[in-house]
Amino acid sequence: MFFKKKTDEDLEFNEPELKASDRIVFAQFTSDDDNYALELINQIKDGAPIIINFEKVDEYTTNKYMAFFTGATMMVEGKVMRINENTILFTKKENFLDGTLRDFIEKIPHQ
């Protein structure tokens, strides 16, 4: 007889949260592009794990963005993980809580 009507807020609360491994963003630098880097930093800040491949850029550009992404990741109390020589994961620490991100990384062939 007395029922509360469900609101949008109630529905959002009940939606299943995506696993960390489902939210991974894959990126590859092909040039020195600060705007692209800033977009990726904003995604890290918003909670997305970012896997970046640097093999198509020179050493100077790689070092520049490694420092930039590492600093930004540390500012959000994150973690940086080398996947292979040219590929790095930048993410917030809480993305490791559900275990899916670590499982995903362990399945990637390491060179």
PDB file of N, CA and C in Angstrom:
ATOM      1  N   MET A   1       0.795  -1.178   0.000  1.00  0.00           N
ATOM      2  CA  MET A   1       0.000   0.000   0.000  1.00  0.00           C
ATOM      3  C   MET A   1       0.852   1.262   0.000  1.00  0.00           C
ATOM      4  N   PHE A   2       1.890   1.271   0.811  1.00  0.00           N
ATOM      5  CA  PHE A   2       2.761   2.436   0.870  1.00  0.00           C
ATOM      6  C   PHE A   2       4.076   2.097   0.190  1.00  0.00           C
ATOM      7  N   PHE A   3       4.215   2.536  -1.013  1.00  0.00           N
ATOM      8  CA  PHE A   3       5.435   2.283  -1.774  1.00  0.00           C
ATOM      9  C   PHE A   3       6.063   3.594  -2.177  1.00  0.00           C
ATOM     10  N   LYS A   4       7.371   3.609  -2.113  1.00  0.00           N
ATOM     11  CA  LYS A   4       8.102   4.801  -2.542  1.00  0.00           C
ATOM     12  C   LYS A   4       8.399   4.650  -4.033  1.00  0.00           C
ATOM     13  N   LYS A   5       8.132   5.681  -4.783  1.00  0.00           N
ATOM     14  CA  LYS A   5       8.417   5.671  -6.212  1.00  0.00           C
ATOM     15  C   LYS A   5       9.937   5.768  -6.401  1.00  0.00           C
ATOM     16  N   LYS A   6      10.468   4.917  -7.278  1.00  0.00           N
ATOM     17  CA  LYS A   6      11.908   4.934  -7.527  1.00  0.00           C
ATOM     18  C   LYS A   6      12.278   6.177  -8.325  1.00  0.00           C
ATOM     19  N   THR A   7      13.320   6.806  -7.882  1.00  0.00           N
ATOM     20  CA  THR A   7      13.812   7.989  -8.585  1.00  0.00           C
ATOM     21  C   THR A   7      15.045   7.609  -9.393  1.00  0.00           C
ATOM     22  N   ASP A   8      15.507   8.535 -10.237  1.00  0.00           N
ATOM     23  CA  ASP A   8      16.733   8.304 -10.997  1.00  0.00           C
ATOM     24  C   ASP A   8      17.905   8.049 -10.061  1.00  0.00           C
ATOM     25  N   GLU A   9      17.906   8.742  -8.936  1.00  0.00           N
ATOM     26  CA  GLU A   9      18.980   8.575  -7.961  1.00  0.00           C
ATOM     27  C   GLU A   9      19.002   7.151  -7.413  1.00  0.00           C
ATOM     28  N   ASP A  10      17.828   6.578  -7.146  1.00  0.00           N
ATOM     29  CA  ASP A  10      17.744   5.207  -6.659  1.00  0.00           C
ATOM     30  C   ASP A  10      18.260   4.229  -7.711  1.00  0.00           C
ATOM     31  N   LEU A  11      17.926   4.469  -8.958  1.00  0.00           N
ATOM     32  CA  LEU A  11      18.350   3.580 -10.027  1.00  0.00           C
ATOM     33  C   LEU A  11      19.863   3.636 -10.216  1.00  0.00           C
ATOM     34  N   GLU A  12      20.457   4.812 -10.132  1.00  0.00           N
ATOM     35  CA  GLU A  12      21.897   4.948 -10.283  1.00  0.00           C
ATOM     36  C   GLU A  12      22.620   4.188  -9.181  1.00  0.00           C
ATOM     37  N   PHE A  13      22.098   4.223  -7.987  1.00  0.00           N
ATOM     38  CA  PHE A  13      22.728   3.551  -6.852  1.00  0.00           C
ATOM     39  C   PHE A  13      22.755   2.043  -7.056  1.00  0.00           C
ATOM     40  N   ASN A  14      21.743   1.494  -7.701  1.00  0.00           N
ATOM     41  CA  ASN A  14      21.625   0.052  -7.876  1.00  0.00           C
ATOM     42  C   ASN A  14      22.342  -0.483  -9.108  1.00  0.00           C
ATOM     43  N   GLU A  15      22.824   0.404 -10.002  1.00  0.00           N
ATOM     44  CA  GLU A  15      23.509  -0.064 -11.194  1.00  0.00           C
ATOM     45  C   GLU A  15      24.848  -0.679 -10.804  1.00  0.00           C
ATOM     46  N   PRO A  16      25.187  -1.812 -11.406  1.00  0.00           N
ATOM     47  CA  PRO A  16      26.479  -2.419 -11.079  1.00  0.00           C
ATOM     48  C   PRO A  16      27.622  -1.538 -11.584  1.00  0.00           C
ATOM     49  N   GLU A  17      28.657  -1.423 -10.770  1.00  0.00           N
ATOM     50  CA  GLU A  17      29.807  -0.616 -11.138  1.00  0.00           C
ATOM     51  C   GLU A  17      30.711  -1.429 -12.066  1.00  0.00           C
ATOM     52  N   LEU A  18      31.258  -0.765 -13.074  1.00  0.00           N
ATOM     53  CA  LEU A  18      32.167  -1.448 -13.982  1.00  0.00           C
ATOM     54  C   LEU A  18      33.440  -1.856 -13.251  1.00  0.00           C
ATOM     55  N   LYS A  19      33.947  -3.012 -13.611  1.00  0.00           N
ATOM     56  CA  LYS A  19      35.215  -3.474 -13.046  1.00  0.00           C
ATOM     57  C   LYS A  19      36.336  -2.608 -13.602  1.00  0.00           C
ATOM     58  N   ALA A  20      37.434  -2.537 -12.876  1.00  0.00           N
ATOM     59  CA  ALA A  20      38.582  -1.729 -13.311  1.00  0.00           C
ATOM     60  C   ALA A  20      39.073  -2.173 -14.684  1.00  0.00           C
ATOM     61  N   SER A  21      39.098  -3.471 -14.923  1.00  0.00           N
ATOM     62  CA  SER A  21      39.591  -3.966 -16.215  1.00  0.00           C
ATOM     63  C   SER A  21      38.661  -3.590 -17.370  1.00  0.00           C
ATOM     64  N   ASP A  22      37.399  -3.310 -17.079  1.00  0.00           N
ATOM     65  CA  ASP A  22      36.447  -2.898 -18.117  1.00  0.00           C
ATOM     66  C   ASP A  22      36.578  -1.410 -18.452  1.00  0.00           C
ATOM     67  N   ARG A  23      37.271  -0.661 -17.602  1.00  0.00           N
ATOM     68  CA  ARG A  23      37.401   0.786 -17.798  1.00  0.00           C
ATOM     69  C   ARG A  23      38.758   1.198 -18.354  1.00  0.00           C
ATOM     70  N   ILE A  24      39.600   0.232 -18.718  1.00  0.00           N
ATOM     71  CA  ILE A  24      40.943   0.550 -19.207  1.00  0.00           C
ATOM     72  C   ILE A  24      40.850   1.351 -20.507  1.00  0.00           C
ATOM     73  N   VAL A  25      41.655   2.400 -20.577  1.00  0.00           N
ATOM     74  CA  VAL A  25      41.783   3.191 -21.797  1.00  0.00           C
ATOM     75  C   VAL A  25      43.168   2.891 -22.366  1.00  0.00           C
ATOM     76  N   PHE A  26      43.214   2.504 -23.631  1.00  0.00           N
ATOM     77  CA  PHE A  26      44.469   2.229 -24.311  1.00  0.00           C
ATOM     78  C   PHE A  26      44.835   3.443 -25.159  1.00  0.00           C
ATOM     79  N   ALA A  27      46.087   3.872 -25.043  1.00  0.00           N
ATOM     80  CA  ALA A  27      46.535   5.054 -25.783  1.00  0.00           C
ATOM     81  C   ALA A  27      47.908   4.789 -26.368  1.00  0.00           C
ATOM     82  N   GLN A  28      48.193   5.477 -27.464  1.00  0.00           N
ATOM     83  CA  GLN A  28      49.519   5.381 -28.064  1.00  0.00           C
ATOM     84  C   GLN A  28      49.921   6.765 -28.551  1.00  0.00           C
ATOM     85  N   PHE A  29      51.092   7.181 -28.117  1.00  0.00           N
ATOM     86  CA  PHE A  29      51.605   8.462 -28.589  1.00  0.00           C
ATOM     87  C   PHE A  29      52.304   8.250 -29.923  1.00  0.00           C
ATOM     88  N   THR A  30      51.950   9.091 -30.897  1.00  0.00           N
ATOM     89  CA  THR A  30      52.603   9.061 -32.200  1.00  0.00           C
ATOM     90  C   THR A  30      53.292  10.392 -32.482  1.00  0.00           C
ATOM     91  N   SER A  31      53.080  11.365 -31.595  1.00  0.00           N
ATOM     92  CA  SER A  31      53.716  12.677 -31.733  1.00  0.00           C
ATOM     93  C   SER A  31      53.746  13.346 -30.360  1.00  0.00           C
ATOM     94  N   ASP A  32      54.388  14.488 -30.322  1.00  0.00           N
ATOM     95  CA  ASP A  32      54.455  15.294 -29.102  1.00  0.00           C
ATOM     96  C   ASP A  32      53.170  16.123 -29.061  1.00  0.00           C
ATOM     97  N   ASP A  33      52.170  15.665 -28.312  1.00  0.00           N
ATOM     98  CA  ASP A  33      50.845  16.293 -28.321  1.00  0.00           C
ATOM     99  C   ASP A  33      50.376  16.541 -26.890  1.00  0.00           C
ATOM    100  N   ASP A  34      50.604  17.752 -26.403  1.00  0.00           N
ATOM    101  CA  ASP A  34      50.240  18.089 -25.025  1.00  0.00           C
ATOM    102  C   ASP A  34      48.736  18.045 -24.782  1.00  0.00           C
ATOM    103  N   ASN A  35      47.930  18.387 -25.770  1.00  0.00           N
ATOM    104  CA  ASN A  35      46.472  18.346 -25.597  1.00  0.00           C
ATOM    105  C   ASN A  35      45.984  16.911 -25.389  1.00  0.00           C
ATOM    106  N   TYR A  36      46.550  15.986 -26.156  1.00  0.00           N
ATOM    107  CA  TYR A  36      46.206  14.571 -26.005  1.00  0.00           C
ATOM    108  C   TYR A  36      46.616  14.084 -24.617  1.00  0.00           C
ATOM    109  N   ALA A  37      47.806  14.481 -24.179  1.00  0.00           N
ATOM    110  CA  ALA A  37      48.288  14.096 -22.851  1.00  0.00           C
ATOM    111  C   ALA A  37      47.354  14.623 -21.765  1.00  0.00           C
ATOM    112  N   LEU A  38      46.909  15.846 -21.896  1.00  0.00           N
ATOM    113  CA  LEU A  38      46.007  16.432 -20.898  1.00  0.00           C
ATOM    114  C   LEU A  38      44.671  15.696 -20.853  1.00  0.00           C
ATOM    115  N   GLU A  39      44.161  15.299 -22.014  1.00  0.00           N
ATOM    116  CA  GLU A  39      42.915  14.514 -22.045  1.00  0.00           C
ATOM    117  C   GLU A  39      43.088  13.202 -21.273  1.00  0.00           C
ATOM    118  N   LEU A  40      44.225  12.552 -21.464  1.00  0.00           N
ATOM    119  CA  LEU A  40      44.482  11.294 -20.758  1.00  0.00           C
ATOM    120  C   LEU A  40      44.644  11.516 -19.259  1.00  0.00           C
ATOM    121  N   ILE A  41      45.297  12.606 -18.874  1.00  0.00           N
ATOM    122  CA  ILE A  41      45.444  12.932 -17.452  1.00  0.00           C
ATOM    123  C   ILE A  41      44.075  13.120 -16.808  1.00  0.00           C
ATOM    124  N   ASN A  42      43.173  13.797 -17.505  1.00  0.00           N
ATOM    125  CA  ASN A  42      41.824  13.993 -16.970  1.00  0.00           C
ATOM    126  C   ASN A  42      41.100  12.662 -16.794  1.00  0.00           C
ATOM    127  N   GLN A  43      41.355  11.707 -17.683  1.00  0.00           N
ATOM    128  CA  GLN A  43      40.730  10.391 -17.542  1.00  0.00           C
ATOM    129  C   GLN A  43      41.301   9.642 -16.336  1.00  0.00           C
ATOM    130  N   ILE A  44      42.603   9.781 -16.106  1.00  0.00           N
ATOM    131  CA  ILE A  44      43.203   9.174 -14.906  1.00  0.00           C
ATOM    132  C   ILE A  44      42.566   9.788 -13.663  1.00  0.00           C
ATOM    133  N   LYS A  45      42.454  11.110 -13.661  1.00  0.00           N
ATOM    134  CA  LYS A  45      41.866  11.825 -12.524  1.00  0.00           C
ATOM    135  C   LYS A  45      40.428  11.355 -12.275  1.00  0.00           C
ATOM    136  N   ASP A  46      39.710  11.046 -13.361  1.00  0.00           N
ATOM    137  CA  ASP A  46      38.325  10.584 -13.240  1.00  0.00           C
ATOM    138  C   ASP A  46      38.221   9.100 -12.892  1.00  0.00           C
ATOM    139  N   GLY A  47      39.374   8.417 -12.791  1.00  0.00           N
ATOM    140  CA  GLY A  47      39.358   7.029 -12.331  1.00  0.00           C
ATOM    141  C   GLY A  47      39.646   5.961 -13.364  1.00  0.00           C
ATOM    142  N   ALA A  48      39.908   6.325 -14.606  1.00  0.00           N
ATOM    143  CA  ALA A  48      40.182   5.317 -15.631  1.00  0.00           C
ATOM    144  C   ALA A  48      41.632   4.859 -15.567  1.00  0.00           C
ATOM    145  N   PRO A  49      41.869   3.550 -15.619  1.00  0.00           N
ATOM    146  CA  PRO A  49      43.234   3.073 -15.776  1.00  0.00           C
ATOM    147  C   PRO A  49      43.669   3.346 -17.225  1.00  0.00           C
ATOM    148  N   ILE A  50      44.851   3.908 -17.408  1.00  0.00           N
ATOM    149  CA  ILE A  50      45.335   4.252 -18.742  1.00  0.00           C
ATOM    150  C   ILE A  50      46.579   3.429 -19.038  1.00  0.00           C
ATOM    151  N   ILE A  51      46.569   2.715 -20.152  1.00  0.00           N
ATOM    152  CA  ILE A  51      47.748   1.994 -20.616  1.00  0.00           C
ATOM    153  C   ILE A  51      48.248   2.726 -21.844  1.00  0.00           C
ATOM    154  N   ILE A  52      49.490   3.238 -21.752  1.00  0.00           N
ATOM    155  CA  ILE A  52      50.047   4.050 -22.833  1.00  0.00           C
ATOM    156  C   ILE A  52      51.250   3.357 -23.449  1.00  0.00           C
ATOM    157  N   ASN A  53      51.253   3.329 -24.780  1.00  0.00           N
ATOM    158  CA  ASN A  53      52.377   2.796 -25.527  1.00  0.00           C
ATOM    159  C   ASN A  53      53.148   3.964 -26.130  1.00  0.00           C
ATOM    160  N   PHE A  54      54.462   3.978 -25.907  1.00  0.00           N
ATOM    161  CA  PHE A  54      55.323   5.069 -26.361  1.00  0.00           C
ATOM    162  C   PHE A  54      56.269   4.652 -27.487  1.00  0.00           C
ATOM    163  N   GLU A  55      56.079   3.484 -28.101  1.00  0.00           N
ATOM    164  CA  GLU A  55      57.071   2.997 -29.054  1.00  0.00           C
ATOM    165  C   GLU A  55      57.169   3.816 -30.344  1.00  0.00           C
ATOM    166  N   LYS A  56      56.184   4.631 -30.662  1.00  0.00           N
ATOM    167  CA  LYS A  56      56.221   5.408 -31.911  1.00  0.00           C
ATOM    168  C   LYS A  56      56.741   6.834 -31.733  1.00  0.00           C
ATOM    169  N   VAL A  57      57.252   7.149 -30.556  1.00  0.00           N
ATOM    170  CA  VAL A  57      57.824   8.477 -30.330  1.00  0.00           C
ATOM    171  C   VAL A  57      59.278   8.332 -29.887  1.00  0.00           C
ATOM    172  N   ASP A  58      60.023   9.415 -30.038  1.00  0.00           N
ATOM    173  CA  ASP A  58      61.445   9.374 -29.674  1.00  0.00           C
ATOM    174  C   ASP A  58      61.640   9.368 -28.163  1.00  0.00           C
ATOM    175  N   GLU A  59      62.881   9.184 -27.755  1.00  0.00           N
ATOM    176  CA  GLU A  59      63.215   9.062 -26.336  1.00  0.00           C
ATOM    177  C   GLU A  59      62.891  10.343 -25.565  1.00  0.00           C
ATOM    178  N   TYR A  60      63.159  11.513 -26.170  1.00  0.00           N
ATOM    179  CA  TYR A  60      62.866  12.782 -25.503  1.00  0.00           C
ATOM    180  C   TYR A  60      61.373  12.903 -25.185  1.00  0.00           C
ATOM    181  N   THR A  61      60.520  12.602 -26.170  1.00  0.00           N
ATOM    182  CA  THR A  61      59.069  12.691 -25.979  1.00  0.00           C
ATOM    183  C   THR A  61      58.600  11.666 -24.954  1.00  0.00           C
ATOM    184  N   THR A  62      59.137  10.469 -25.005  1.00  0.00           N
ATOM    185  CA  THR A  62      58.784   9.438 -24.032  1.00  0.00           C
ATOM    186  C   THR A  62      59.119   9.902 -22.623  1.00  0.00           C
ATOM    187  N   ASN A  63      60.334  10.405 -22.428  1.00  0.00           N
ATOM    188  CA  ASN A  63      60.747  10.858 -21.094  1.00  0.00           C
ATOM    189  C   ASN A  63      59.899  12.032 -20.610  1.00  0.00           C
ATOM    190  N   LYS A  64      59.573  12.934 -21.504  1.00  0.00           N
ATOM    191  CA  LYS A  64      58.732  14.093 -21.154  1.00  0.00           C
ATOM    192  C   LYS A  64      57.380  13.624 -20.617  1.00  0.00           C
ATOM    193  N   TYR A  65      56.731  12.725 -21.357  1.00  0.00           N
ATOM    194  CA  TYR A  65      55.399  12.290 -20.944  1.00  0.00           C
ATOM    195  C   TYR A  65      55.441  11.301 -19.779  1.00  0.00           C
ATOM    196  N   MET A  66      56.508  10.523 -19.676  1.00  0.00           N
ATOM    197  CA  MET A  66      56.641   9.649 -18.505  1.00  0.00           C
ATOM    198  C   MET A  66      56.674  10.492 -17.230  1.00  0.00           C
ATOM    199  N   ALA A  67      57.444  11.574 -17.255  1.00  0.00           N
ATOM    200  CA  ALA A  67      57.514  12.454 -16.077  1.00  0.00           C
ATOM    201  C   ALA A  67      56.160  13.113 -15.814  1.00  0.00           C
ATOM    202  N   PHE A  68      55.515  13.575 -16.867  1.00  0.00           N
ATOM    203  CA  PHE A  68      54.213  14.245 -16.757  1.00  0.00           C
ATOM    204  C   PHE A  68      53.163  13.301 -16.171  1.00  0.00           C
ATOM    205  N   PHE A  69      53.049  12.098 -16.744  1.00  0.00           N
ATOM    206  CA  PHE A  69      52.038  11.140 -16.290  1.00  0.00           C
ATOM    207  C   PHE A  69      52.357  10.583 -14.904  1.00  0.00           C
ATOM    208  N   THR A  70      53.623  10.353 -14.630  1.00  0.00           N
ATOM    209  CA  THR A  70      53.992   9.846 -13.311  1.00  0.00           C
ATOM    210  C   THR A  70      53.646  10.866 -12.234  1.00  0.00           C
ATOM    211  N   GLY A  71      53.979  12.133 -12.474  1.00  0.00           N
ATOM    212  CA  GLY A  71      53.657  13.184 -11.507  1.00  0.00           C
ATOM    213  C   GLY A  71      52.160  13.309 -11.287  1.00  0.00           C
ATOM    214  N   ALA A  72      51.406  13.318 -12.367  1.00  0.00           N
ATOM    215  CA  ALA A  72      49.947  13.441 -12.252  1.00  0.00           C
ATOM    216  C   ALA A  72      49.348  12.232 -11.542  1.00  0.00           C
ATOM    217  N   THR A  73      49.874  11.059 -11.813  1.00  0.00           N
ATOM    218  CA  THR A  73      49.371   9.839 -11.179  1.00  0.00           C
ATOM    219  C   THR A  73      49.661   9.859  -9.683  1.00  0.00           C
ATOM    220  N   MET A  74      50.830  10.326  -9.303  1.00  0.00           N
ATOM    221  CA  MET A  74      51.166  10.422  -7.878  1.00  0.00           C
ATOM    222  C   MET A  74      50.281  11.450  -7.173  1.00  0.00           C
ATOM    223  N   MET A  75      49.883  12.500  -7.871  1.00  0.00           N
ATOM    224  CA  MET A  75      49.013  13.528  -7.278  1.00  0.00           C
ATOM    225  C   MET A  75      47.642  12.959  -6.903  1.00  0.00           C
ATOM    226  N   VAL A  76      47.196  11.914  -7.594  1.00  0.00           N
ATOM    227  CA  VAL A  76      45.905  11.300  -7.266  1.00  0.00           C
ATOM    228  C   VAL A  76      46.122  10.007  -6.472  1.00  0.00           C
ATOM    229  N   GLU A  77      47.304   9.920  -5.822  1.00  0.00           N
ATOM    230  CA  GLU A  77      47.662   8.746  -5.035  1.00  0.00           C
ATOM    231  C   GLU A  77      47.530   7.473  -5.863  1.00  0.00           C
ATOM    232  N   GLY A  78      48.138   7.522  -7.037  1.00  0.00           N
ATOM    233  CA  GLY A  78      48.032   6.414  -7.967  1.00  0.00           C
ATOM    234  C   GLY A  78      49.247   5.521  -8.002  1.00  0.00           C
ATOM    235  N   LYS A  79      49.272   4.708  -9.023  1.00  0.00           N
ATOM    236  CA  LYS A  79      50.331   3.730  -9.187  1.00  0.00           C
ATOM    237  C   LYS A  79      50.751   3.698 -10.650  1.00  0.00           C
ATOM    238  N   VAL A  80      52.057   3.578 -10.876  1.00  0.00           N
ATOM    239  CA  VAL A  80      52.624   3.453 -12.214  1.00  0.00           C
ATOM    240  C   VAL A  80      53.235   2.071 -12.315  1.00  0.00           C
ATOM    241  N   MET A  81      52.898   1.345 -13.392  1.00  0.00           N
ATOM    242  CA  MET A  81      53.394  -0.012 -13.576  1.00  0.00           C
ATOM    243  C   MET A  81      53.892  -0.197 -14.994  1.00  0.00           C
ATOM    244  N   ARG A  82      55.131  -0.656 -15.127  1.00  0.00           N
ATOM    245  CA  ARG A  82      55.684  -0.949 -16.456  1.00  0.00           C
ATOM    246  C   ARG A  82      55.136  -2.293 -16.916  1.00  0.00           C
ATOM    247  N   ILE A  83      54.555  -2.309 -18.104  1.00  0.00           N
ATOM    248  CA  ILE A  83      54.030  -3.551 -18.665  1.00  0.00           C
ATOM    249  C   ILE A  83      55.103  -4.207 -19.539  1.00  0.00           C
ATOM    250  N   ASN A  84      55.750  -3.398 -20.378  1.00  0.00           N
ATOM    251  CA  ASN A  84      56.919  -3.850 -21.130  1.00  0.00           C
ATOM    252  C   ASN A  84      57.784  -2.621 -21.416  1.00  0.00           C
ATOM    253  N   GLU A  85      58.765  -2.759 -22.264  1.00  0.00           N
ATOM    254  CA  GLU A  85      59.719  -1.675 -22.491  1.00  0.00           C
ATOM    255  C   GLU A  85      59.063  -0.361 -22.904  1.00  0.00           C
ATOM    256  N   ASN A  86      58.013  -0.424 -23.699  1.00  0.00           N
ATOM    257  CA  ASN A  86      57.382   0.780 -24.243  1.00  0.00           C
ATOM    258  C   ASN A  86      55.979   1.050 -23.727  1.00  0.00           C
ATOM    259  N   THR A  87      55.469   0.232 -22.843  1.00  0.00           N
ATOM    260  CA  THR A  87      54.079   0.339 -22.428  1.00  0.00           C
ATOM    261  C   THR A  87      53.990   0.436 -20.906  1.00  0.00           C
ATOM    262  N   ILE A  88      53.245   1.454 -20.449  1.00  0.00           N
ATOM    263  CA  ILE A  88      53.149   1.751 -19.018  1.00  0.00           C
ATOM    264  C   ILE A  88      51.675   1.919 -18.627  1.00  0.00           C
ATOM    265  N   LEU A  89      51.345   1.463 -17.435  1.00  0.00           N
ATOM    266  CA  LEU A  89      50.015   1.655 -16.857  1.00  0.00           C
ATOM    267  C   LEU A  89      50.085   2.789 -15.837  1.00  0.00           C
ATOM    268  N   PHE A  90      49.143   3.724 -15.924  1.00  0.00           N
ATOM    269  CA  PHE A  90      48.985   4.806 -14.956  1.00  0.00           C
ATOM    270  C   PHE A  90      47.558   4.716 -14.426  1.00  0.00           C
ATOM    271  N   THR A  91      47.410   4.639 -13.107  1.00  0.00           N
ATOM    272  CA  THR A  91      46.065   4.486 -12.560  1.00  0.00           C
ATOM    273  C   THR A  91      46.011   4.866 -11.089  1.00  0.00           C
ATOM    274  N   LYS A  92      44.813   5.093 -10.603  1.00  0.00           N
ATOM    275  CA  LYS A  92      44.604   5.283  -9.166  1.00  0.00           C
ATOM    276  C   LYS A  92      44.748   3.930  -8.468  1.00  0.00           C
ATOM    277  N   LYS A  93      45.231   3.943  -7.240  1.00  0.00           N
ATOM    278  CA  LYS A  93      45.448   2.701  -6.489  1.00  0.00           C
ATOM    279  C   LYS A  93      44.162   1.894  -6.314  1.00  0.00           C
ATOM    280  N   GLU A  94      43.043   2.587  -6.129  1.00  0.00           N
ATOM    281  CA  GLU A  94      41.801   1.846  -5.863  1.00  0.00           C
ATOM    282  C   GLU A  94      41.365   0.974  -7.033  1.00  0.00           C
ATOM    283  N   ASN A  95      41.919   1.195  -8.215  1.00  0.00           N
ATOM    284  CA  ASN A  95      41.582   0.338  -9.347  1.00  0.00           C
ATOM    285  C   ASN A  95      42.120  -1.081  -9.188  1.00  0.00           C
ATOM    286  N   PHE A  96      43.011  -1.286  -8.227  1.00  0.00           N
ATOM    287  CA  PHE A  96      43.534  -2.623  -7.969  1.00  0.00           C
ATOM    288  C   PHE A  96      42.693  -3.386  -6.942  1.00  0.00           C
ATOM    289  N   LEU A  97      41.732  -2.724  -6.308  1.00  0.00           N
ATOM    290  CA  LEU A  97      40.966  -3.356  -5.227  1.00  0.00           C
ATOM    291  C   LEU A  97      40.130  -4.542  -5.680  1.00  0.00           C
ATOM    292  N   ASP A  98      39.532  -4.475  -6.870  1.00  0.00           N
ATOM    293  CA  ASP A  98      38.669  -5.586  -7.293  1.00  0.00           C
ATOM    294  C   ASP A  98      39.451  -6.747  -7.907  1.00  0.00           C
ATOM    295  N   GLY A  99      40.762  -6.586  -8.115  1.00  0.00           N
ATOM    296  CA  GLY A  99      41.605  -7.663  -8.623  1.00  0.00           C
ATOM    297  C   GLY A  99      41.602  -7.845 -10.129  1.00  0.00           C
ATOM    298  N   THR A 100      40.665  -7.233 -10.834  1.00  0.00           N
ATOM    299  CA  THR A 100      40.557  -7.468 -12.274  1.00  0.00           C
ATOM    300  C   THR A 100      41.676  -6.793 -13.064  1.00  0.00           C
ATOM    301  N   LEU A 101      42.153  -5.666 -12.585  1.00  0.00           N
ATOM    302  CA  LEU A 101      43.224  -4.957 -13.294  1.00  0.00           C
ATOM    303  C   LEU A 101      44.528  -5.750 -13.211  1.00  0.00           C
ATOM    304  N   ARG A 102      44.848  -6.250 -12.029  1.00  0.00           N
ATOM    305  CA  ARG A 102      46.063  -7.064 -11.873  1.00  0.00           C
ATOM    306  C   ARG A 102      45.957  -8.335 -12.720  1.00  0.00           C
ATOM    307  N   ASP A 103      44.795  -8.980 -12.737  1.00  0.00           N
ATOM    308  CA  ASP A 103      44.604 -10.175 -13.562  1.00  0.00           C
ATOM    309  C   ASP A 103      44.822  -9.856 -15.036  1.00  0.00           C
ATOM    310  N   PHE A 104      44.290  -8.725 -15.489  1.00  0.00           N
ATOM    311  CA  PHE A 104      44.439  -8.313 -16.884  1.00  0.00           C
ATOM    312  C   PHE A 104      45.918  -8.124 -17.225  1.00  0.00           C
ATOM    313  N   ILE A 105      46.642  -7.434 -16.365  1.00  0.00           N
ATOM    314  CA  ILE A 105      48.056  -7.147 -16.607  1.00  0.00           C
ATOM    315  C   ILE A 105      48.880  -8.434 -16.626  1.00  0.00           C
ATOM    316  N   GLU A 106      48.572  -9.351 -15.748  1.00  0.00           N
ATOM    317  CA  GLU A 106      49.320 -10.614 -15.695  1.00  0.00           C
ATOM    318  C   GLU A 106      49.129 -11.458 -16.951  1.00  0.00           C
ATOM    319  N   LYS A 107      48.031 -11.263 -17.659  1.00  0.00           N
ATOM    320  CA  LYS A 107      47.763 -12.029 -18.883  1.00  0.00           C
ATOM    321  C   LYS A 107      48.432 -11.420 -20.114  1.00  0.00           C
ATOM    322  N   ILE A 108      48.936 -10.194 -20.002  1.00  0.00           N
ATOM    323  CA  ILE A 108      49.592  -9.548 -21.139  1.00  0.00           C
ATOM    324  C   ILE A 108      50.976 -10.157 -21.292  1.00  0.00           C
ATOM    325  N   PRO A 109      51.342 -10.578 -22.526  1.00  0.00           N
ATOM    326  CA  PRO A 109      52.695 -11.112 -22.732  1.00  0.00           C
ATOM    327  C   PRO A 109      53.730 -10.007 -22.490  1.00  0.00           C
ATOM    328  N   HIS A 110      54.671 -10.255 -21.606  1.00  0.00           N
ATOM    329  CA  HIS A 110      55.724  -9.290 -21.300  1.00  0.00           C
ATOM    330  C   HIS A 110      56.944  -9.598 -22.156  1.00  0.00           C
ATOM    331  N   GLN A 111      57.488  -8.560 -22.763  1.00  0.00           N
ATOM    332  CA  GLN A 111      58.652  -8.750 -23.641  1.00  0.00           C
ATOM    333  C   GLN A 111      59.927  -8.633 -22.888  1.00  0.00           C
TER     334      GLN A 111
END
